[in-house]
Amino acid sequence: MKKIGLVNIDTSHPFSWAQKMEAAPELDMQYAMLFSDGFRGDDEVNWFINKYNMMGRAATIDELAEKCDIGFVQSCNWEKHVDQAMPFIKLRKPVLLDKPLVGSVKDIARIRELVANGANIIGSSSARYAAEIQDFLATPVEERGEVVSVYGESGVDEFNYGVHVGEILSEIAGAPAVSCQFTGTAERDGAKCEIYTVRFENGVIGTYCTYLSGWRPFNVSIMTTKSSTCFKIDSSKIYMALLTRVSEMLKTGERKTADIERILNVSEFMLCGKRSRDFENGKEVKISELHADDAFDGYAFEKAYGAASAVMYKD
């Protein structure tokens, strides 16, 4: 059984993923030890450790990395992810960074340098591996046609949750994005959504809509040279889709998740959309035009998320 060193239980993911692993022994992995310096109290941390029969609470991430086979960094603040991954990277152990992987030009560069030097960093959004997407992509191009455009929806917020739809578009487009443009805001009865347009290297145009006033399912529409396909992703299955790929990597040593460049490219084009909205009056912004200080504020998100979070880890 592979031992997972867990960094923080800020979100619902550790609970949901622990349940999935417990119910699927064939994954052959489990949370084994927890380091916590997030906003969850000792009561929730101890509950989680006892609930899943873990080895205990680590005093440092270095201890976690020493005693476990892989790290799962699940802090809600993406600006902490790279530093929290370093103890695993230094020991040449794989580390998964939960979504969003990173949210700044600075951290994108750090990840690239670490990977170039041999770091095994995996992630990020489980929505990328949804069965509906993988079934579409597995259909021969002769039958489904070449993708021309793709539209996707998500809810809750612009980046922490919005990154899911960014990765959905990335997976379906099948090529790196080169730019993003803020298209506009729609508001009605206090509800708000934002729309962005992404240009991909292969000519595909992607459009994503982030509903900022609550949860929304991942609705996807794909236009190809031969037909149009629409579906709603079954969110109940996407965690297992990701965990299965992680398990296979640990068993075989072969990467089963998306190449890190494809994941970083999502953060890049979403940063382009943010710059287009905030500084360029809706102008198309190329990735090459991003500024060194372009970033989504992970600390502000962590503060707001923590303040709004109720006790989750309890009987």
C-alpha atoms as a PDB file:
ATOM      1  CA  MET A   1       0.000   0.000   0.000  1.00  0.00           C
ATOM      2  CA  LYS A   2       1.524   3.292  -1.108  1.00  0.00           C
ATOM      3  CA  LYS A   3       1.619   5.931   1.621  1.00  0.00           C
ATOM      4  CA  ILE A   4       0.358   9.419   0.758  1.00  0.00           C
ATOM      5  CA  GLY A   5       1.658  12.377   2.716  1.00  0.00           C
ATOM      6  CA  LEU A   6      -1.179  14.902   2.889  1.00  0.00           C
ATOM      7  CA  VAL A   7      -0.527  18.625   3.186  1.00  0.00           C
ATOM      8  CA  ASN A   8      -3.634  20.329   4.612  1.00  0.00           C
ATOM      9  CA  ILE A   9      -7.330  19.498   4.610  1.00  0.00           C
ATOM     10  CA  ASP A  10      -8.572  22.955   3.668  1.00  0.00           C
ATOM     11  CA  THR A  11     -11.103  21.780   1.097  1.00  0.00           C
ATOM     12  CA  SER A  12     -13.513  18.874   0.746  1.00  0.00           C
ATOM     13  CA  HIS A  13     -11.141  17.029  -1.587  1.00  0.00           C
ATOM     14  CA  PRO A  14      -9.206  15.089   1.097  1.00  0.00           C
ATOM     15  CA  PHE A  15     -12.466  13.787   2.569  1.00  0.00           C
ATOM     16  CA  SER A  16     -13.889  12.818  -0.816  1.00  0.00           C
ATOM     17  CA  TRP A  17     -10.641  11.293  -2.025  1.00  0.00           C
ATOM     18  CA  ALA A  18     -10.139   9.328   1.203  1.00  0.00           C
ATOM     19  CA  GLN A  19     -13.601   7.836   0.749  1.00  0.00           C
ATOM     20  CA  LYS A  20     -12.823   6.869  -2.834  1.00  0.00           C
ATOM     21  CA  MET A  21      -9.542   5.209  -1.875  1.00  0.00           C
ATOM     22  CA  GLU A  22     -11.157   3.366   1.024  1.00  0.00           C
ATOM     23  CA  ALA A  23     -13.856   1.997  -1.269  1.00  0.00           C
ATOM     24  CA  ALA A  24     -11.387   0.986  -3.994  1.00  0.00           C
ATOM     25  CA  PRO A  25      -8.582  -1.130  -2.463  1.00  0.00           C
ATOM     26  CA  GLU A  26      -7.285  -1.842  -5.968  1.00  0.00           C
ATOM     27  CA  LEU A  27      -5.876   1.683  -5.974  1.00  0.00           C
ATOM     28  CA  ASP A  28      -3.380   0.410  -3.410  1.00  0.00           C
ATOM     29  CA  MET A  29      -2.781   3.816  -1.838  1.00  0.00           C
ATOM     30  CA  GLN A  30      -4.044   5.740   1.163  1.00  0.00           C
ATOM     31  CA  TYR A  31      -3.485   8.898   3.165  1.00  0.00           C
ATOM     32  CA  ALA A  32      -0.873   7.842   5.724  1.00  0.00           C
ATOM     33  CA  MET A  33       0.227  11.026   7.494  1.00  0.00           C
ATOM     34  CA  LEU A  34      -0.989  14.612   7.654  1.00  0.00           C
ATOM     35  CA  PHE A  35       0.740  17.963   7.984  1.00  0.00           C
ATOM     36  CA  SER A  36      -1.577  20.865   8.729  1.00  0.00           C
ATOM     37  CA  ASP A  37      -0.874  24.562   8.954  1.00  0.00           C
ATOM     38  CA  GLY A  38      -4.101  25.717   7.319  1.00  0.00           C
ATOM     39  CA  PHE A  39      -7.243  27.130   8.841  1.00  0.00           C
ATOM     40  CA  ARG A  40      -8.726  23.806   9.988  1.00  0.00           C
ATOM     41  CA  GLY A  41      -8.606  23.385  13.768  1.00  0.00           C
ATOM     42  CA  ASP A  42      -6.999  20.566  15.712  1.00  0.00           C
ATOM     43  CA  ASP A  43     -10.431  18.976  16.187  1.00  0.00           C
ATOM     44  CA  GLU A  44     -10.860  18.517  12.436  1.00  0.00           C
ATOM     45  CA  VAL A  45      -7.252  17.439  11.905  1.00  0.00           C
ATOM     46  CA  ASN A  46      -7.451  14.817  14.647  1.00  0.00           C
ATOM     47  CA  TRP A  47     -10.828  13.624  13.375  1.00  0.00           C
ATOM     48  CA  PHE A  48      -9.395  13.049   9.912  1.00  0.00           C
ATOM     49  CA  ILE A  49      -6.336  11.221  11.239  1.00  0.00           C
ATOM     50  CA  ASN A  50      -8.470   8.919  13.404  1.00  0.00           C
ATOM     51  CA  LYS A  51     -11.152   8.407  10.762  1.00  0.00           C
ATOM     52  CA  TYR A  52      -8.679   7.038   8.232  1.00  0.00           C
ATOM     53  CA  ASN A  53      -6.322   5.242  10.626  1.00  0.00           C
ATOM     54  CA  MET A  54      -3.354   7.387   9.690  1.00  0.00           C
ATOM     55  CA  MET A  55       0.123   7.152  11.198  1.00  0.00           C
ATOM     56  CA  GLY A  56      -0.302  10.547  12.802  1.00  0.00           C
ATOM     57  CA  ARG A  57       0.323  14.240  12.367  1.00  0.00           C
ATOM     58  CA  ALA A  58       3.674  15.325  11.011  1.00  0.00           C
ATOM     59  CA  ALA A  59       5.450  18.236  12.655  1.00  0.00           C
ATOM     60  CA  THR A  60       6.927  19.318   9.320  1.00  0.00           C
ATOM     61  CA  ILE A  61       6.467  18.584   5.634  1.00  0.00           C
ATOM     62  CA  ASP A  62      10.038  17.255   5.661  1.00  0.00           C
ATOM     63  CA  GLU A  63       8.902  14.540   8.081  1.00  0.00           C
ATOM     64  CA  LEU A  64       5.944  13.821   5.825  1.00  0.00           C
ATOM     65  CA  ALA A  65       8.202  13.447   2.791  1.00  0.00           C
ATOM     66  CA  GLU A  66      10.603  11.160   4.660  1.00  0.00           C
ATOM     67  CA  LYS A  67       7.878   8.750   5.747  1.00  0.00           C
ATOM     68  CA  CYS A  68       5.575   8.695   2.698  1.00  0.00           C
ATOM     69  CA  ASP A  69       5.838   7.606  -0.946  1.00  0.00           C
ATOM     70  CA  ILE A  70       4.073  10.548  -2.568  1.00  0.00           C
ATOM     71  CA  GLY A  71       2.834  13.965  -1.503  1.00  0.00           C
ATOM     72  CA  PHE A  72      -0.652  15.364  -2.037  1.00  0.00           C
ATOM     73  CA  VAL A  73      -0.496  19.144  -1.517  1.00  0.00           C
ATOM     74  CA  GLN A  74      -4.123  20.144  -0.989  1.00  0.00           C
ATOM     75  CA  SER A  75      -3.834  23.607   0.501  1.00  0.00           C
ATOM     76  CA  CYS A  76      -6.474  25.947  -0.888  1.00  0.00           C
ATOM     77  CA  ASN A  77      -3.860  28.697  -1.293  1.00  0.00           C
ATOM     78  CA  TRP A  78      -2.107  27.934  -4.581  1.00  0.00           C
ATOM     79  CA  GLU A  79       0.651  30.421  -3.746  1.00  0.00           C
ATOM     80  CA  LYS A  80       1.928  27.959  -1.106  1.00  0.00           C
ATOM     81  CA  HIS A  81       1.970  24.926  -3.388  1.00  0.00           C
ATOM     82  CA  VAL A  82       5.529  25.079  -4.721  1.00  0.00           C
ATOM     83  CA  ASP A  83       7.157  25.633  -1.328  1.00  0.00           C
ATOM     84  CA  GLN A  84       5.041  22.883   0.220  1.00  0.00           C
ATOM     85  CA  ALA A  85       6.039  20.487  -2.551  1.00  0.00           C
ATOM     86  CA  MET A  86       9.775  21.070  -2.131  1.00  0.00           C
ATOM     87  CA  PRO A  87      10.477  18.452   0.577  1.00  0.00           C
ATOM     88  CA  PHE A  88       9.112  15.730  -1.734  1.00  0.00           C
ATOM     89  CA  ILE A  89      10.940  17.128  -4.749  1.00  0.00           C
ATOM     90  CA  LYS A  90      14.254  17.215  -2.852  1.00  0.00           C
ATOM     91  CA  LEU A  91      13.834  13.506  -2.051  1.00  0.00           C
ATOM     92  CA  ARG A  92      12.954  12.752  -5.699  1.00  0.00           C
ATOM     93  CA  LYS A  93       9.480  11.650  -4.708  1.00  0.00           C
ATOM     94  CA  PRO A  94       6.381  12.449  -6.772  1.00  0.00           C
ATOM     95  CA  VAL A  95       4.048  15.171  -5.585  1.00  0.00           C
ATOM     96  CA  LEU A  96       0.519  16.022  -6.652  1.00  0.00           C
ATOM     97  CA  LEU A  97      -0.535  19.661  -6.501  1.00  0.00           C
ATOM     98  CA  ASP A  98      -4.294  19.942  -6.225  1.00  0.00           C
ATOM     99  CA  LYS A  99      -6.083  22.450  -8.409  1.00  0.00           C
ATOM    100  CA  PRO A 100      -5.218  25.147  -9.168  1.00  0.00           C
ATOM    101  CA  LEU A 101      -1.652  23.951  -9.614  1.00  0.00           C
ATOM    102  CA  VAL A 102      -0.247  27.494  -9.455  1.00  0.00           C
ATOM    103  CA  GLY A 103      -1.665  30.922 -10.212  1.00  0.00           C
ATOM    104  CA  SER A 104       1.162  33.290 -11.096  1.00  0.00           C
ATOM    105  CA  VAL A 105       3.770  33.873 -13.790  1.00  0.00           C
ATOM    106  CA  LYS A 106       6.413  33.579 -11.057  1.00  0.00           C
ATOM    107  CA  ASP A 107       5.274  30.149  -9.884  1.00  0.00           C
ATOM    108  CA  ILE A 108       4.781  28.885 -13.438  1.00  0.00           C
ATOM    109  CA  ALA A 109       8.468  29.639 -14.023  1.00  0.00           C
ATOM    110  CA  ARG A 110       9.423  27.882 -10.766  1.00  0.00           C
ATOM    111  CA  ILE A 111       7.509  24.747 -11.745  1.00  0.00           C
ATOM    112  CA  ARG A 112       9.126  24.705 -15.188  1.00  0.00           C
ATOM    113  CA  GLU A 113      12.594  24.925 -13.677  1.00  0.00           C
ATOM    114  CA  LEU A 114      11.880  22.180 -11.148  1.00  0.00           C
ATOM    115  CA  VAL A 115      10.495  19.837 -13.816  1.00  0.00           C
ATOM    116  CA  ALA A 116      13.468  20.558 -16.087  1.00  0.00           C
ATOM    117  CA  ASN A 117      15.670  19.405 -13.203  1.00  0.00           C
ATOM    118  CA  GLY A 118      13.768  16.145 -12.770  1.00  0.00           C
ATOM    119  CA  ALA A 119      10.905  16.918 -10.376  1.00  0.00           C
ATOM    120  CA  ASN A 120       7.895  14.630 -10.764  1.00  0.00           C
ATOM    121  CA  ILE A 121       4.989  17.052 -10.313  1.00  0.00           C
ATOM    122  CA  ILE A 122       1.477  15.944 -11.193  1.00  0.00           C
ATOM    123  CA  GLY A 123      -2.025  17.416 -10.962  1.00  0.00           C
ATOM    124  CA  SER A 124      -4.327  19.209 -11.283  1.00  0.00           C
ATOM    125  CA  SER A 125      -8.075  19.265 -12.153  1.00  0.00           C
ATOM    126  CA  SER A 126      -9.873  15.936 -12.114  1.00  0.00           C
ATOM    127  CA  ALA A 127     -12.411  17.309 -14.631  1.00  0.00           C
ATOM    128  CA  ARG A 128      -9.813  16.919 -17.381  1.00  0.00           C
ATOM    129  CA  TYR A 129     -10.162  13.131 -17.069  1.00  0.00           C
ATOM    130  CA  ALA A 130     -13.969  12.972 -17.160  1.00  0.00           C
ATOM    131  CA  ALA A 131     -15.282   9.907 -18.987  1.00  0.00           C
ATOM    132  CA  GLU A 132     -17.394  12.066 -21.288  1.00  0.00           C
ATOM    133  CA  ILE A 133     -14.293  13.919 -22.498  1.00  0.00           C
ATOM    134  CA  GLN A 134     -12.126  10.832 -22.801  1.00  0.00           C
ATOM    135  CA  ASP A 135     -14.865   8.944 -24.692  1.00  0.00           C
ATOM    136  CA  PHE A 136     -15.184  11.833 -27.146  1.00  0.00           C
ATOM    137  CA  LEU A 137     -11.425  11.985 -27.700  1.00  0.00           C
ATOM    138  CA  ALA A 138     -11.243   8.204 -28.118  1.00  0.00           C
ATOM    139  CA  THR A 139     -13.743   8.328 -30.964  1.00  0.00           C
ATOM    140  CA  PRO A 140     -11.827   8.193 -34.273  1.00  0.00           C
ATOM    141  CA  VAL A 141     -11.438  11.584 -35.890  1.00  0.00           C
ATOM    142  CA  GLU A 142     -12.886  10.056 -39.065  1.00  0.00           C
ATOM    143  CA  GLU A 143     -16.167   9.636 -37.180  1.00  0.00           C
ATOM    144  CA  ARG A 144     -16.354  12.729 -34.949  1.00  0.00           C
ATOM    145  CA  GLY A 145     -14.423  15.220 -37.081  1.00  0.00           C
ATOM    146  CA  GLU A 146     -11.738  17.705 -36.074  1.00  0.00           C
ATOM    147  CA  VAL A 147     -12.572  20.031 -33.193  1.00  0.00           C
ATOM    148  CA  VAL A 148     -13.361  23.556 -34.383  1.00  0.00           C
ATOM    149  CA  SER A 149     -14.664  25.152 -31.180  1.00  0.00           C
ATOM    150  CA  VAL A 150     -15.456  24.180 -27.608  1.00  0.00           C
ATOM    151  CA  TYR A 151     -17.603  25.873 -24.971  1.00  0.00           C
ATOM    152  CA  GLY A 152     -17.607  25.103 -21.254  1.00  0.00           C
ATOM    153  CA  GLU A 153     -19.286  26.327 -18.068  1.00  0.00           C
ATOM    154  CA  SER A 154     -18.347  26.282 -14.418  1.00  0.00           C
ATOM    155  CA  GLY A 155     -19.561  27.990 -11.264  1.00  0.00           C
ATOM    156  CA  VAL A 156     -18.456  29.361  -7.891  1.00  0.00           C
ATOM    157  CA  ASP A 157     -15.446  31.567  -8.725  1.00  0.00           C
ATOM    158  CA  GLU A 158     -13.079  32.720 -11.452  1.00  0.00           C
ATOM    159  CA  PHE A 159      -9.976  30.637 -10.720  1.00  0.00           C
ATOM    160  CA  ASN A 160     -10.101  28.158  -7.833  1.00  0.00           C
ATOM    161  CA  TYR A 161     -13.135  26.477  -9.383  1.00  0.00           C
ATOM    162  CA  GLY A 162     -12.962  28.105 -12.796  1.00  0.00           C
ATOM    163  CA  VAL A 163      -9.684  26.283 -13.484  1.00  0.00           C
ATOM    164  CA  HIS A 164     -11.753  23.122 -13.950  1.00  0.00           C
ATOM    165  CA  VAL A 165     -13.359  24.487 -17.094  1.00  0.00           C
ATOM    166  CA  GLY A 166     -10.002  25.807 -18.254  1.00  0.00           C
ATOM    167  CA  GLU A 167      -8.574  22.297 -18.095  1.00  0.00           C
ATOM    168  CA  ILE A 168     -11.653  20.898 -19.827  1.00  0.00           C
ATOM    169  CA  LEU A 169     -11.085  23.240 -22.771  1.00  0.00           C
ATOM    170  CA  SER A 170      -7.373  22.416 -22.812  1.00  0.00           C
ATOM    171  CA  GLU A 171      -8.004  18.677 -22.951  1.00  0.00           C
ATOM    172  CA  ILE A 172     -10.564  18.907 -25.749  1.00  0.00           C
ATOM    173  CA  ALA A 173      -8.678  21.457 -27.850  1.00  0.00           C
ATOM    174  CA  GLY A 174      -5.627  19.219 -27.800  1.00  0.00           C
ATOM    175  CA  ALA A 175      -3.111  22.026 -28.287  1.00  0.00           C
ATOM    176  CA  PRO A 176      -1.544  24.828 -26.248  1.00  0.00           C
ATOM    177  CA  ALA A 177      -3.453  28.081 -25.898  1.00  0.00           C
ATOM    178  CA  VAL A 178      -1.760  31.204 -27.226  1.00  0.00           C
ATOM    179  CA  SER A 179      -4.082  33.934 -25.917  1.00  0.00           C
ATOM    180  CA  CYS A 180      -7.218  34.770 -23.985  1.00  0.00           C
ATOM    181  CA  GLN A 181      -9.667  37.651 -24.116  1.00  0.00           C
ATOM    182  CA  PHE A 182     -12.243  38.841 -21.619  1.00  0.00           C
ATOM    183  CA  THR A 183     -15.512  39.001 -23.531  1.00  0.00           C
ATOM    184  CA  GLY A 184     -17.841  40.498 -20.968  1.00  0.00           C
ATOM    185  CA  THR A 185     -19.899  40.268 -17.792  1.00  0.00           C
ATOM    186  CA  ALA A 186     -23.553  39.380 -17.533  1.00  0.00           C
ATOM    187  CA  GLU A 187     -25.534  40.277 -14.406  1.00  0.00           C
ATOM    188  CA  ARG A 188     -29.163  39.697 -13.532  1.00  0.00           C
ATOM    189  CA  ASP A 189     -31.026  39.664 -10.225  1.00  0.00           C
ATOM    190  CA  GLY A 190     -27.743  39.801  -8.315  1.00  0.00           C
ATOM    191  CA  ALA A 191     -26.231  36.873 -10.215  1.00  0.00           C
ATOM    192  CA  LYS A 192     -23.043  37.384 -12.197  1.00  0.00           C
ATOM    193  CA  CYS A 193     -21.055  35.504 -14.793  1.00  0.00           C
ATOM    194  CA  GLU A 194     -17.993  36.270 -16.894  1.00  0.00           C
ATOM    195  CA  ILE A 195     -17.157  35.077 -20.399  1.00  0.00           C
ATOM    196  CA  TYR A 196     -13.703  34.545 -21.914  1.00  0.00           C
ATOM    197  CA  THR A 197     -12.430  33.479 -25.344  1.00  0.00           C
ATOM    198  CA  VAL A 198      -9.294  31.371 -25.774  1.00  0.00           C
ATOM    199  CA  ARG A 199      -7.299  30.883 -28.976  1.00  0.00           C
ATOM    200  CA  PHE A 200      -5.410  27.629 -29.299  1.00  0.00           C
ATOM    201  CA  GLU A 201      -2.314  26.980 -31.402  1.00  0.00           C
ATOM    202  CA  ASN A 202      -4.148  24.592 -33.731  1.00  0.00           C
ATOM    203  CA  GLY A 203      -6.877  27.109 -34.592  1.00  0.00           C
ATOM    204  CA  VAL A 204      -9.494  25.870 -32.112  1.00  0.00           C
ATOM    205  CA  ILE A 205     -11.470  28.600 -30.373  1.00  0.00           C
ATOM    206  CA  GLY A 206     -12.562  27.971 -26.795  1.00  0.00           C
ATOM    207  CA  THR A 207     -15.135  29.907 -24.809  1.00  0.00           C
ATOM    208  CA  TYR A 208     -15.638  29.532 -21.089  1.00  0.00           C
ATOM    209  CA  CYS A 209     -18.237  31.029 -18.815  1.00  0.00           C
ATOM    210  CA  THR A 210     -17.671  31.268 -15.066  1.00  0.00           C
ATOM    211  CA  TYR A 211     -20.844  31.707 -13.020  1.00  0.00           C
ATOM    212  CA  LEU A 212     -19.722  33.607  -9.913  1.00  0.00           C
ATOM    213  CA  SER A 213     -22.870  33.346  -7.827  1.00  0.00           C
ATOM    214  CA  GLY A 214     -22.998  29.650  -6.972  1.00  0.00           C
ATOM    215  CA  TRP A 215     -22.226  26.145  -8.146  1.00  0.00           C
ATOM    216  CA  ARG A 216     -22.953  25.084 -11.700  1.00  0.00           C
ATOM    217  CA  PRO A 217     -22.418  21.750 -13.457  1.00  0.00           C
ATOM    218  CA  PHE A 218     -19.743  21.377 -16.109  1.00  0.00           C
ATOM    219  CA  ASN A 219     -21.742  21.713 -19.315  1.00  0.00           C
ATOM    220  CA  VAL A 220     -19.699  21.275 -22.482  1.00  0.00           C
ATOM    221  CA  SER A 221     -20.475  21.839 -26.151  1.00  0.00           C
ATOM    222  CA  ILE A 222     -18.075  20.805 -28.924  1.00  0.00           C
ATOM    223  CA  MET A 223     -18.362  21.722 -32.592  1.00  0.00           C
ATOM    224  CA  THR A 224     -16.357  19.641 -35.046  1.00  0.00           C
ATOM    225  CA  THR A 225     -15.979  19.529 -38.802  1.00  0.00           C
ATOM    226  CA  LYS A 226     -18.617  16.782 -38.897  1.00  0.00           C
ATOM    227  CA  SER A 227     -21.044  17.310 -36.020  1.00  0.00           C
ATOM    228  CA  SER A 228     -21.795  18.926 -32.677  1.00  0.00           C
ATOM    229  CA  THR A 229     -21.665  17.190 -29.303  1.00  0.00           C
ATOM    230  CA  CYS A 230     -23.072  18.397 -25.991  1.00  0.00           C
ATOM    231  CA  PHE A 231     -22.833  16.775 -22.573  1.00  0.00           C
ATOM    232  CA  LYS A 232     -22.876  17.434 -18.838  1.00  0.00           C
ATOM    233  CA  ILE A 233     -19.943  15.917 -16.981  1.00  0.00           C
ATOM    234  CA  ASP A 234     -20.838  13.454 -14.238  1.00  0.00           C
ATOM    235  CA  SER A 235     -18.885  15.050 -11.377  1.00  0.00           C
ATOM    236  CA  SER A 236     -19.368  11.988  -9.162  1.00  0.00           C
ATOM    237  CA  LYS A 237     -16.886  10.031 -11.282  1.00  0.00           C
ATOM    238  CA  ILE A 238     -14.066  12.485 -11.920  1.00  0.00           C
ATOM    239  CA  TYR A 239     -12.186  11.972  -8.638  1.00  0.00           C
ATOM    240  CA  MET A 240     -11.767   8.271  -9.350  1.00  0.00           C
ATOM    241  CA  ALA A 241     -10.629   9.098 -12.867  1.00  0.00           C
ATOM    242  CA  LEU A 242      -7.741  11.144 -11.458  1.00  0.00           C
ATOM    243  CA  LEU A 243      -6.924   8.816  -8.553  1.00  0.00           C
ATOM    244  CA  THR A 244      -6.793   5.824 -10.899  1.00  0.00           C
ATOM    245  CA  ARG A 245      -4.195   7.599 -13.016  1.00  0.00           C
ATOM    246  CA  VAL A 246      -2.120   8.454  -9.953  1.00  0.00           C
ATOM    247  CA  SER A 247      -2.324   4.850  -8.758  1.00  0.00           C
ATOM    248  CA  GLU A 248      -1.219   3.532 -12.146  1.00  0.00           C
ATOM    249  CA  MET A 249       1.748   5.890 -12.141  1.00  0.00           C
ATOM    250  CA  LEU A 250       2.831   4.654  -8.705  1.00  0.00           C
ATOM    251  CA  LYS A 251       2.534   1.038  -9.862  1.00  0.00           C
ATOM    252  CA  THR A 252       4.230   1.353 -13.250  1.00  0.00           C
ATOM    253  CA  GLY A 253       6.408   4.444 -12.973  1.00  0.00           C
ATOM    254  CA  GLU A 254       4.802   5.826 -16.140  1.00  0.00           C
ATOM    255  CA  ARG A 255       3.074   9.199 -16.112  1.00  0.00           C
ATOM    256  CA  LYS A 256      -0.664   8.787 -16.611  1.00  0.00           C
ATOM    257  CA  THR A 257      -1.753  12.361 -15.968  1.00  0.00           C
ATOM    258  CA  ALA A 258      -1.476  15.337 -18.302  1.00  0.00           C
ATOM    259  CA  ASP A 259       1.934  16.716 -19.169  1.00  0.00           C
ATOM    260  CA  ILE A 260       2.839  19.533 -16.795  1.00  0.00           C
ATOM    261  CA  GLU A 261       3.111  22.010 -19.676  1.00  0.00           C
ATOM    262  CA  ARG A 262      -0.535  21.431 -20.572  1.00  0.00           C
ATOM    263  CA  ILE A 263      -1.563  22.200 -17.013  1.00  0.00           C
ATOM    264  CA  LEU A 264       0.647  25.269 -16.710  1.00  0.00           C
ATOM    265  CA  ASN A 265      -0.744  26.512 -20.015  1.00  0.00           C
ATOM    266  CA  VAL A 266      -4.217  26.671 -18.431  1.00  0.00           C
ATOM    267  CA  SER A 267      -2.949  28.959 -15.671  1.00  0.00           C
ATOM    268  CA  GLU A 268      -1.257  31.041 -18.354  1.00  0.00           C
ATOM    269  CA  PHE A 269      -4.324  31.598 -20.499  1.00  0.00           C
ATOM    270  CA  MET A 270      -6.504  32.284 -17.477  1.00  0.00           C
ATOM    271  CA  LEU A 271      -3.978  34.911 -16.375  1.00  0.00           C
ATOM    272  CA  CYS A 272      -4.279  36.387 -19.871  1.00  0.00           C
ATOM    273  CA  GLY A 273      -8.040  36.590 -19.382  1.00  0.00           C
ATOM    274  CA  LYS A 274      -7.568  38.322 -16.043  1.00  0.00           C
ATOM    275  CA  ARG A 275      -5.138  40.840 -17.555  1.00  0.00           C
ATOM    276  CA  SER A 276      -7.530  41.435 -20.462  1.00  0.00           C
ATOM    277  CA  ARG A 277     -10.328  42.186 -17.993  1.00  0.00           C
ATOM    278  CA  ASP A 278      -8.417  44.183 -15.389  1.00  0.00           C
ATOM    279  CA  PHE A 279      -5.837  46.126 -17.406  1.00  0.00           C
ATOM    280  CA  GLU A 280      -6.471  45.883 -21.166  1.00  0.00           C
ATOM    281  CA  ASN A 281     -10.144  46.865 -21.505  1.00  0.00           C
ATOM    282  CA  GLY A 282     -11.100  43.498 -23.003  1.00  0.00           C
ATOM    283  CA  LYS A 283      -8.275  43.339 -25.516  1.00  0.00           C
ATOM    284  CA  GLU A 284      -6.905  39.937 -26.524  1.00  0.00           C
ATOM    285  CA  VAL A 285      -3.778  39.178 -24.465  1.00  0.00           C
ATOM    286  CA  LYS A 286      -1.165  36.726 -25.674  1.00  0.00           C
ATOM    287  CA  ILE A 287       0.706  34.521 -23.226  1.00  0.00           C
ATOM    288  CA  SER A 288       3.900  36.144 -24.461  1.00  0.00           C
ATOM    289  CA  GLU A 289       2.483  39.488 -23.285  1.00  0.00           C
ATOM    290  CA  LEU A 290       1.941  38.479 -19.655  1.00  0.00           C
ATOM    291  CA  HIS A 291       3.756  40.566 -17.060  1.00  0.00           C
ATOM    292  CA  ALA A 292       6.131  39.110 -14.495  1.00  0.00           C
ATOM    293  CA  ASP A 293       3.796  40.107 -11.646  1.00  0.00           C
ATOM    294  CA  ASP A 294       0.561  38.762 -13.154  1.00  0.00           C
ATOM    295  CA  ALA A 295      -1.098  36.570 -10.527  1.00  0.00           C
ATOM    296  CA  PHE A 296      -4.304  35.351  -8.959  1.00  0.00           C
ATOM    297  CA  ASP A 297      -4.169  36.229  -5.251  1.00  0.00           C
ATOM    298  CA  GLY A 298      -4.049  32.942  -3.356  1.00  0.00           C
ATOM    299  CA  TYR A 299      -3.722  34.580   0.058  1.00  0.00           C
ATOM    300  CA  ALA A 300      -6.864  36.655  -0.436  1.00  0.00           C
ATOM    301  CA  PHE A 301      -8.678  33.534  -1.587  1.00  0.00           C
ATOM    302  CA  GLU A 302      -7.477  31.532   1.433  1.00  0.00           C
ATOM    303  CA  LYS A 303      -8.630  34.259   3.826  1.00  0.00           C
ATOM    304  CA  ALA A 304     -12.102  34.465   2.295  1.00  0.00           C
ATOM    305  CA  TYR A 305     -12.434  30.703   1.873  1.00  0.00           C
ATOM    306  CA  GLY A 306     -11.402  30.000   5.442  1.00  0.00           C
ATOM    307  CA  ALA A 307     -13.756  32.648   6.838  1.00  0.00           C
ATOM    308  CA  ALA A 308     -16.689  31.165   4.918  1.00  0.00           C
ATOM    309  CA  SER A 309     -15.928  27.506   5.689  1.00  0.00           C
ATOM    310  CA  ALA A 310     -17.911  25.638   8.294  1.00  0.00           C
ATOM    311  CA  VAL A 311     -16.514  22.683  10.253  1.00  0.00           C
ATOM    312  CA  MET A 312     -16.393  19.865   7.710  1.00  0.00           C
ATOM    313  CA  TYR A 313     -14.356  17.074   9.223  1.00  0.00           C
ATOM    314  CA  LYS A 314     -16.580  15.684  11.960  1.00  0.00           C
ATOM    315  CA  ASP A 315     -19.024  12.855  12.655  1.00  0.00           C
END
